[in-house]
Protein backbone atom coordinates (compact mmCIF):
# COMPACT_ATOMS: atom_id res chain seq x y z
CA MET A 1 0.00 0.00 0.00
CA ASN A 2 1.42 3.40 -0.90
CA ASN A 3 1.41 6.53 1.26
CA GLN A 4 -1.46 8.08 -0.67
CA ASN A 5 -3.84 5.27 0.27
CA SER A 6 -2.72 5.11 3.90
CA SER A 7 -3.87 8.69 4.53
CA ILE A 8 -7.59 8.05 3.99
CA ILE A 9 -8.21 7.74 7.73
CA LEU A 10 -6.15 10.36 9.49
CA PRO A 11 -4.58 9.89 12.94
CA HIS A 12 -7.26 10.47 15.57
CA GLY A 13 -8.46 9.67 19.06
CA ASN A 14 -5.74 11.28 21.16
CA TYR A 15 -8.30 13.08 23.31
CA GLN A 16 -6.21 12.87 26.51
CA GLU A 17 -3.90 15.51 25.05
CA LEU A 18 -6.73 17.98 24.41
CA LEU A 19 -6.79 20.77 27.00
CA SER A 20 -10.57 20.84 26.67
CA TYR A 21 -10.72 17.17 27.72
CA GLN A 22 -8.32 17.66 30.61
CA LYS A 23 -10.36 20.59 31.89
CA SER A 24 -13.67 18.74 31.43
CA GLU A 25 -12.32 15.77 33.38
CA VAL A 26 -11.50 18.08 36.30
CA ILE A 27 -15.01 19.57 36.04
CA TYR A 28 -16.59 16.10 36.13
CA ASP A 29 -14.54 15.03 39.18
CA LEU A 30 -15.26 18.29 40.98
CA THR A 31 -18.99 18.18 40.14
CA PHE A 32 -19.34 14.59 41.33
CA ARG A 33 -17.80 15.50 44.68
CA PHE A 34 -19.65 18.81 44.95
CA CYS A 35 -23.02 17.12 44.47
CA GLU A 36 -22.17 14.35 46.90
CA LYS A 37 -21.11 16.82 49.59
CA HIS A 38 -23.37 19.86 49.12
CA LEU A 39 -26.67 18.62 47.72
CA LYS A 40 -29.22 16.54 49.61
CA ARG A 41 -29.61 12.91 48.64
CA GLY A 42 -32.63 12.54 46.38
CA ASP A 43 -32.25 16.03 44.87
CA ARG A 44 -32.87 15.61 41.14
CA THR A 45 -30.30 18.32 40.46
CA ILE A 46 -27.56 15.85 41.43
CA ASP A 47 -28.28 13.56 38.47
CA GLN A 48 -28.66 16.51 36.11
CA MET A 49 -25.39 18.14 37.14
CA VAL A 50 -23.37 14.93 37.14
CA GLN A 51 -24.81 13.91 33.77
CA ALA A 52 -24.11 17.34 32.25
CA ALA A 53 -20.51 17.15 33.52
CA ARG A 54 -20.17 13.60 32.21
CA SER A 55 -21.66 14.56 28.86
CA GLY A 56 -19.18 17.41 28.52
CA LYS A 57 -16.29 15.02 29.03
CA GLN A 58 -17.60 11.98 27.17
CA ASN A 59 -18.65 13.84 24.04
CA ILE A 60 -15.10 15.14 23.64
CA VAL A 61 -13.89 11.52 23.84
CA GLU A 62 -16.49 10.26 21.37
CA GLY A 63 -15.90 13.15 18.96
CA SER A 64 -12.16 12.57 19.05
CA LYS A 65 -12.58 8.86 18.37
CA ALA A 66 -15.06 9.50 15.53
CA SER A 67 -12.84 12.11 13.89
CA GLY A 68 -10.93 9.59 11.78
CA THR A 69 -14.02 8.76 9.75
CA SER A 70 -16.34 11.70 10.35
CA LYS A 71 -15.24 15.28 10.84
CA GLU A 72 -18.92 16.20 10.83
CA MET A 73 -19.52 13.92 13.82
CA GLU A 74 -16.47 15.32 15.61
CA ILE A 75 -17.77 18.87 15.19
CA LYS A 76 -21.28 17.84 16.26
CA LEU A 77 -20.12 16.00 19.38
CA THR A 78 -17.73 18.78 20.38
CA ASN A 79 -20.70 21.16 20.15
CA VAL A 80 -22.73 18.78 22.35
CA ALA A 81 -19.89 18.82 24.90
CA ARG A 82 -19.95 22.63 24.82
CA ALA A 83 -23.73 22.72 25.29
CA SER A 84 -23.56 20.26 28.20
CA LEU A 85 -21.00 22.36 30.00
CA GLU A 86 -23.10 25.48 29.41
CA GLU A 87 -26.04 23.67 31.06
CA LEU A 88 -23.80 22.75 34.00
CA LEU A 89 -22.58 26.35 34.27
CA GLU A 90 -26.19 27.46 34.64
CA ASP A 91 -26.77 24.84 37.37
CA TYR A 92 -23.84 26.19 39.38
CA ARG A 93 -25.03 29.77 38.90
CA ASP A 94 -28.53 28.75 39.99
CA TYR A 95 -27.10 27.04 43.06
CA LEU A 96 -25.32 30.25 44.08
CA ARG A 97 -28.12 32.64 43.14
CA VAL A 98 -31.03 30.91 44.89
CA ARG A 99 -28.99 30.62 48.08
CA ASP A 100 -28.02 34.30 47.94
CA LEU A 101 -24.36 33.33 47.67
CA LYS A 102 -21.76 35.47 45.96
CA ILE A 103 -20.91 34.79 42.30
CA TRP A 104 -17.34 35.84 41.60
CA GLU A 105 -16.87 38.44 38.90
CA LYS A 106 -14.24 37.66 36.28
CA GLY A 107 -11.80 40.25 37.64
CA THR A 108 -11.92 39.29 41.32
CA LYS A 109 -8.73 38.05 42.92
CA GLU A 110 -10.39 34.69 43.63
CA ALA A 111 -11.39 34.16 39.98
CA GLN A 112 -7.96 35.26 38.80
CA TYR A 113 -6.33 32.79 41.20
CA VAL A 114 -8.43 29.92 39.84
CA ARG A 115 -7.62 30.99 36.26
CA LYS A 116 -3.92 31.04 37.13
CA LEU A 117 -4.14 27.52 38.60
CA GLY A 118 -5.86 26.35 35.43
CA ASN A 119 -3.15 27.76 33.17
CA LYS A 120 -0.65 25.13 34.26
CA SER A 121 -0.06 22.44 31.67
CA HIS A 122 -1.95 19.19 32.18
CA THR A 123 -3.96 20.16 35.25
CA THR A 124 -5.86 17.40 36.99
CA TYR A 125 -8.39 17.25 39.78
CA GLU A 126 -5.48 17.03 42.23
CA THR A 127 -4.72 20.70 41.48
CA TYR A 128 -8.08 21.59 43.07
CA ARG A 129 -8.64 18.75 45.56
CA GLU A 130 -7.51 20.72 48.61
CA PHE A 131 -9.97 23.53 47.83
CA VAL A 132 -12.86 21.17 47.11
CA ASP A 133 -12.22 19.22 50.31
CA THR A 134 -11.78 22.21 52.62
CA ARG A 135 -13.72 25.20 51.26
CA SER A 136 -17.38 26.11 51.48
CA ALA A 137 -19.97 25.20 48.85
CA GLU A 138 -19.90 28.85 47.73
CA VAL A 139 -16.17 28.74 46.99
CA VAL A 140 -16.29 25.32 45.32
CA ALA A 141 -19.24 26.31 43.11
CA ASN A 142 -17.37 29.45 42.06
CA ILE A 143 -14.27 27.40 41.28
CA ALA A 144 -16.47 25.20 39.08
CA VAL A 145 -17.88 28.27 37.33
CA CYS A 146 -14.33 29.47 36.58
CA LEU A 147 -13.29 26.05 35.27
CA ILE A 148 -16.35 25.76 33.06
CA HIS A 149 -15.63 29.18 31.57
CA GLN A 150 -12.10 27.98 30.79
CA ALA A 151 -13.34 24.73 29.24
CA ASN A 152 -15.97 26.56 27.19
CA TYR A 153 -13.33 28.94 25.87
CA LEU A 154 -11.15 25.98 24.87
CA LEU A 155 -14.09 24.22 23.22
CA ASP A 156 -15.02 27.36 21.29
CA GLN A 157 -11.44 27.52 19.98
CA GLN A 158 -11.48 23.80 19.20
CA ILE A 159 -14.76 24.06 17.27
CA ARG A 160 -13.46 26.98 15.21
CA ARG A 161 -10.33 24.99 14.40
CA LEU A 162 -12.34 21.89 13.45
CA GLU A 163 -14.53 23.97 11.13
CA LYS A 164 -11.48 25.60 9.55
CA ASP A 165 -9.75 22.24 9.07
CA PHE A 166 -12.88 20.73 7.52
CA LEU A 167 -13.19 23.59 5.03
CA LYS A 168 -9.52 23.24 4.13
CA GLU A 169 -9.14 19.45 4.04
CA GLY A 170 -12.65 18.05 3.74
CA GLY A 171 -13.73 14.83 5.32
CA LEU A 172 -13.51 11.11 4.73
CA ARG A 173 -15.55 11.14 1.50
CA GLU A 174 -13.26 13.73 -0.04
CA ARG A 175 -10.15 11.80 1.00
CA MET A 176 -11.61 8.53 -0.29
CA THR A 177 -12.50 10.09 -3.65
CA LYS A 178 -9.05 11.65 -3.96
CA ALA A 179 -7.32 8.39 -3.04
CA ARG A 180 -9.46 6.41 -5.50
CA LEU A 181 -8.75 8.86 -8.32
CA GLN A 182 -5.03 8.74 -7.53
CA ALA A 183 -5.10 4.92 -7.50
CA ARG A 184 -6.95 4.87 -10.82
CA ASP A 185 -4.42 7.30 -12.36
CA GLN A 186 -1.56 5.16 -11.04
CA GLN A 187 -3.16 2.01 -12.46
CA ARG A 188 -3.50 3.63 -15.90
CA LEU A 189 0.10 4.84 -15.75
CA ASP A 190 1.30 1.33 -14.80
CA GLU A 191 -0.69 -0.20 -17.69
CA ARG A 192 0.86 2.27 -20.17
CA ARG A 193 4.34 1.41 -18.94
CA LYS A 194 3.69 -2.30 -19.49
CA ARG A 195 2.82 -1.72 -23.16
């Protein structure tokens, strides 16, 4: 098989390296613990928040894995991840608002501190564990809000890049057609040489 044919399905599925995935994994871990600690057992919001956090993470995984054969599916699933995290963001804001708790403004020193923590390469839940384990529900919910804003920013950038790449390179059908035409041209060339 020549190099032209081997490029039909592009390398894909390395979602662990995506900053959006890393951030969404932290959000899922934090949300699971937040709900367990700060919401009453039986509260339907628990399932909704945990599922929204899970959906944000899992749709990045699924989109990344599908990207080799469907750029359209990758874009769609990345958008679903973005929408799930937006839903979760609203749940955290609701939690704070209905309890008359403070919602940190973007420029506050607390929000800036969380942003700074999140700017380290390959952050994990361990970066935030101490805060989640020892701070009030108000602080932890605000940390989650900051992290979701970061993840949403990364997903917005990722979606724009995916759209740009699709317009430039096309998808599987375009690569298959190109490879088939190249193979046909090569076959004709080989037949002419044999004559």
